[in-house]
Amino acid sequence: MIGRLNHVAIAVRDAAAASALYRDALGAKVSAPMALPEHGVRVVFVELPNTKIELIEPLGPLSPITKFLSKNPGGTIHHLCFEVDDIDAAREQLKGAGTRILGGGSPKIGAHGKPVLFLNPKDCAGILIELEQL
């Protein structure tokens, strides 16, 4: 069902500072910051030859990333995102296998303008997994 790894998301307190590390010190191509108020975050993508790194910064104190960073003050990996051909079919297969879908189970539009779902980490060996439809 899952395809290639789309990105690894890293929660950070300061996306501009993290971007500078990847751009200036490591020589990567880094996107402009993009606010996603419906998700409570600002994101920056670091483009690599085989995948991307998504830097996630909270948009205010009510962002779910704010709480996540309170437990991980230095920042850390937040989730893995895998591509799927059909997000609705993937959801049904996962539900049939007993995997819980976060956020009510309906896809939302993600940072790439495509439908996404998040899977409950308690059902995925402790890892938050995002699925993004191709």
C-alpha atoms as a PDB file:
ATOM      1  CA  MET A   1       0.000   0.000   0.000  1.00  0.00           C
ATOM      2  CA  ILE A   2       2.619   2.607   0.956  1.00  0.00           C
ATOM      3  CA  GLY A   3       4.898   4.013  -1.662  1.00  0.00           C
ATOM      4  CA  ARG A   4       8.053   6.030  -1.307  1.00  0.00           C
ATOM      5  CA  LEU A   5       9.020   8.092   1.709  1.00  0.00           C
ATOM      6  CA  ASN A   6       7.804  11.611   0.936  1.00  0.00           C
ATOM      7  CA  HIS A   7       9.412  13.371   3.899  1.00  0.00           C
ATOM      8  CA  VAL A   8      10.681  13.181   7.450  1.00  0.00           C
ATOM      9  CA  ALA A   9       9.167  15.942   9.602  1.00  0.00           C
ATOM     10  CA  ILE A  10      11.209  17.580  12.342  1.00  0.00           C
ATOM     11  CA  ALA A  11       9.578  19.804  14.965  1.00  0.00           C
ATOM     12  CA  VAL A  12      11.651  22.943  15.591  1.00  0.00           C
ATOM     13  CA  ARG A  13      11.173  26.103  17.639  1.00  0.00           C
ATOM     14  CA  ASP A  14      12.682  28.347  14.937  1.00  0.00           C
ATOM     15  CA  ALA A  15      12.267  27.295  11.301  1.00  0.00           C
ATOM     16  CA  ALA A  16      14.457  30.182  10.067  1.00  0.00           C
ATOM     17  CA  ALA A  17      17.408  29.056  12.212  1.00  0.00           C
ATOM     18  CA  ALA A  18      16.922  25.410  11.240  1.00  0.00           C
ATOM     19  CA  SER A  19      16.650  26.419   7.564  1.00  0.00           C
ATOM     20  CA  ALA A  20      19.951  28.282   7.801  1.00  0.00           C
ATOM     21  CA  LEU A  21      21.670  25.132   9.059  1.00  0.00           C
ATOM     22  CA  TYR A  22      20.453  23.037   6.123  1.00  0.00           C
ATOM     23  CA  ARG A  23      20.945  25.805   3.526  1.00  0.00           C
ATOM     24  CA  ASP A  24      24.160  27.505   4.663  1.00  0.00           C
ATOM     25  CA  ALA A  25      26.073  24.787   6.509  1.00  0.00           C
ATOM     26  CA  LEU A  26      24.883  21.688   4.648  1.00  0.00           C
ATOM     27  CA  GLY A  27      24.267  23.249   1.204  1.00  0.00           C
ATOM     28  CA  ALA A  28      20.704  22.009   0.685  1.00  0.00           C
ATOM     29  CA  LYS A  29      17.956  23.699  -1.294  1.00  0.00           C
ATOM     30  CA  VAL A  30      15.417  25.113   1.187  1.00  0.00           C
ATOM     31  CA  SER A  31      11.907  26.356   0.373  1.00  0.00           C
ATOM     32  CA  ALA A  32      10.348  29.580   1.579  1.00  0.00           C
ATOM     33  CA  PRO A  33       8.353  29.264   4.817  1.00  0.00           C
ATOM     34  CA  MET A  34       4.657  28.458   4.360  1.00  0.00           C
ATOM     35  CA  ALA A  35       2.039  29.095   7.053  1.00  0.00           C
ATOM     36  CA  LEU A  36      -0.644  26.418   7.413  1.00  0.00           C
ATOM     37  CA  PRO A  37      -3.048  27.962   9.935  1.00  0.00           C
ATOM     38  CA  GLU A  38      -5.527  25.064   9.597  1.00  0.00           C
ATOM     39  CA  HIS A  39      -2.782  22.780  10.959  1.00  0.00           C
ATOM     40  CA  GLY A  40      -1.352  25.368  13.387  1.00  0.00           C
ATOM     41  CA  VAL A  41       2.131  25.261  11.862  1.00  0.00           C
ATOM     42  CA  ARG A  42       4.632  26.966   9.600  1.00  0.00           C
ATOM     43  CA  VAL A  43       6.618  24.591   7.382  1.00  0.00           C
ATOM     44  CA  VAL A  44       9.835  24.740   5.392  1.00  0.00           C
ATOM     45  CA  PHE A  45      10.941  21.948   3.075  1.00  0.00           C
ATOM     46  CA  VAL A  46      14.559  20.916   2.672  1.00  0.00           C
ATOM     47  CA  GLU A  47      14.873  19.205  -0.697  1.00  0.00           C
ATOM     48  CA  LEU A  48      17.184  16.212  -0.950  1.00  0.00           C
ATOM     49  CA  PRO A  49      17.866  14.019  -3.993  1.00  0.00           C
ATOM     50  CA  ASN A  50      15.758  11.129  -2.660  1.00  0.00           C
ATOM     51  CA  THR A  51      13.237  12.750  -0.262  1.00  0.00           C
ATOM     52  CA  LYS A  52      12.509  15.911   1.741  1.00  0.00           C
ATOM     53  CA  ILE A  53      12.858  17.075   5.313  1.00  0.00           C
ATOM     54  CA  GLU A  54       9.928  19.111   6.605  1.00  0.00           C
ATOM     55  CA  LEU A  55      10.806  21.598   9.338  1.00  0.00           C
ATOM     56  CA  ILE A  56       7.674  22.286  11.407  1.00  0.00           C
ATOM     57  CA  GLU A  57       7.416  25.378  13.602  1.00  0.00           C
ATOM     58  CA  PRO A  58       4.370  26.056  15.791  1.00  0.00           C
ATOM     59  CA  LEU A  59       2.051  28.905  14.863  1.00  0.00           C
ATOM     60  CA  GLY A  60       1.269  30.112  18.364  1.00  0.00           C
ATOM     61  CA  PRO A  61       0.647  28.530  21.758  1.00  0.00           C
ATOM     62  CA  LEU A  62      -2.369  26.458  20.628  1.00  0.00           C
ATOM     63  CA  SER A  63      -0.414  24.623  17.930  1.00  0.00           C
ATOM     64  CA  PRO A  64      -0.084  20.873  18.535  1.00  0.00           C
ATOM     65  CA  ILE A  65       3.636  21.359  17.859  1.00  0.00           C
ATOM     66  CA  THR A  66       3.908  23.709  20.863  1.00  0.00           C
ATOM     67  CA  LYS A  67       2.885  20.876  23.189  1.00  0.00           C
ATOM     68  CA  PHE A  68       5.145  18.425  21.346  1.00  0.00           C
ATOM     69  CA  LEU A  69       8.126  20.780  21.751  1.00  0.00           C
ATOM     70  CA  SER A  70       7.393  21.204  25.469  1.00  0.00           C
ATOM     71  CA  LYS A  71       8.276  17.502  25.788  1.00  0.00           C
ATOM     72  CA  ASN A  72      11.161  17.769  23.291  1.00  0.00           C
ATOM     73  CA  PRO A  73      12.582  21.285  23.824  1.00  0.00           C
ATOM     74  CA  GLY A  74      15.523  20.829  21.462  1.00  0.00           C
ATOM     75  CA  GLY A  75      13.296  19.598  18.633  1.00  0.00           C
ATOM     76  CA  THR A  76      13.107  16.078  17.258  1.00  0.00           C
ATOM     77  CA  ILE A  77      11.570  13.927  14.552  1.00  0.00           C
ATOM     78  CA  HIS A  78       7.815  14.440  14.581  1.00  0.00           C
ATOM     79  CA  HIS A  79       6.530  12.092  11.867  1.00  0.00           C
ATOM     80  CA  LEU A  80       7.232  10.113   8.715  1.00  0.00           C
ATOM     81  CA  CYS A  81       5.186  10.724   5.569  1.00  0.00           C
ATOM     82  CA  PHE A  82       4.587   7.987   3.009  1.00  0.00           C
ATOM     83  CA  GLU A  83       2.892   8.321  -0.363  1.00  0.00           C
ATOM     84  CA  VAL A  84      -0.205   6.288  -1.256  1.00  0.00           C
ATOM     85  CA  ASP A  85      -2.068   6.009  -4.560  1.00  0.00           C
ATOM     86  CA  ASP A  86      -5.564   6.140  -3.042  1.00  0.00           C
ATOM     87  CA  ILE A  87      -5.921   7.663   0.416  1.00  0.00           C
ATOM     88  CA  ASP A  88      -9.526   6.488   0.874  1.00  0.00           C
ATOM     89  CA  ALA A  89      -8.626   2.876   0.038  1.00  0.00           C
ATOM     90  CA  ALA A  90      -5.598   3.120   2.355  1.00  0.00           C
ATOM     91  CA  ARG A  91      -7.813   4.434   5.164  1.00  0.00           C
ATOM     92  CA  GLU A  92     -10.284   1.575   4.770  1.00  0.00           C
ATOM     93  CA  GLN A  93      -7.523  -1.045   4.676  1.00  0.00           C
ATOM     94  CA  LEU A  94      -5.936   0.425   7.809  1.00  0.00           C
ATOM     95  CA  LYS A  95      -9.249   0.659   9.660  1.00  0.00           C
ATOM     96  CA  GLY A  96      -9.925  -2.975   8.755  1.00  0.00           C
ATOM     97  CA  ALA A  97      -6.572  -3.869  10.293  1.00  0.00           C
ATOM     98  CA  GLY A  98      -7.465  -1.999  13.507  1.00  0.00           C
ATOM     99  CA  THR A  99      -5.305   1.078  12.931  1.00  0.00           C
ATOM    100  CA  ARG A 100      -6.886   4.262  14.246  1.00  0.00           C
ATOM    101  CA  ILE A 101      -6.921   7.371  12.071  1.00  0.00           C
ATOM    102  CA  LEU A 102      -6.439  10.702  13.839  1.00  0.00           C
ATOM    103  CA  GLY A 103      -8.631  13.772  13.329  1.00  0.00           C
ATOM    104  CA  GLY A 104     -11.930  12.022  12.736  1.00  0.00           C
ATOM    105  CA  GLY A 105     -10.673   9.861   9.887  1.00  0.00           C
ATOM    106  CA  SER A 106     -11.298  12.297   7.053  1.00  0.00           C
ATOM    107  CA  PRO A 107      -8.412  13.481   4.882  1.00  0.00           C
ATOM    108  CA  LYS A 108      -7.307  17.116   5.137  1.00  0.00           C
ATOM    109  CA  ILE A 109      -5.323  19.079   2.602  1.00  0.00           C
ATOM    110  CA  GLY A 110      -1.626  19.086   3.527  1.00  0.00           C
ATOM    111  CA  ALA A 111       1.323  21.339   2.748  1.00  0.00           C
ATOM    112  CA  HIS A 112       1.656  19.996  -0.817  1.00  0.00           C
ATOM    113  CA  GLY A 113      -2.015  20.683  -1.585  1.00  0.00           C
ATOM    114  CA  LYS A 114      -2.850  16.962  -1.491  1.00  0.00           C
ATOM    115  CA  PRO A 115      -5.079  14.926   0.854  1.00  0.00           C
ATOM    116  CA  VAL A 116      -3.340  13.618   3.976  1.00  0.00           C
ATOM    117  CA  LEU A 117      -4.195  11.417   6.954  1.00  0.00           C
ATOM    118  CA  PHE A 118      -2.332  10.804  10.206  1.00  0.00           C
ATOM    119  CA  LEU A 119      -2.252   7.410  11.917  1.00  0.00           C
ATOM    120  CA  ASN A 120      -2.352   6.979  15.672  1.00  0.00           C
ATOM    121  CA  PRO A 121       1.228   6.396  16.893  1.00  0.00           C
ATOM    122  CA  LYS A 122      -0.065   3.922  19.483  1.00  0.00           C
ATOM    123  CA  ASP A 123      -1.009   1.645  16.565  1.00  0.00           C
ATOM    124  CA  CYS A 124       2.241   2.250  14.633  1.00  0.00           C
ATOM    125  CA  ALA A 125       5.071   1.210  16.963  1.00  0.00           C
ATOM    126  CA  GLY A 126       5.116   4.665  18.575  1.00  0.00           C
ATOM    127  CA  ILE A 127       5.647   6.575  15.307  1.00  0.00           C
ATOM    128  CA  LEU A 128       3.262   9.224  13.977  1.00  0.00           C
ATOM    129  CA  ILE A 129       2.730   8.334  10.323  1.00  0.00           C
ATOM    130  CA  GLU A 130       1.281  10.649   7.695  1.00  0.00           C
ATOM    131  CA  LEU A 131      -0.115   9.291   4.455  1.00  0.00           C
ATOM    132  CA  GLU A 132      -0.239  11.611   1.447  1.00  0.00           C
ATOM    133  CA  GLN A 133      -2.138  10.808  -1.716  1.00  0.00           C
ATOM    134  CA  LEU A 134      -0.114  11.087  -4.912  1.00  0.00           C
END
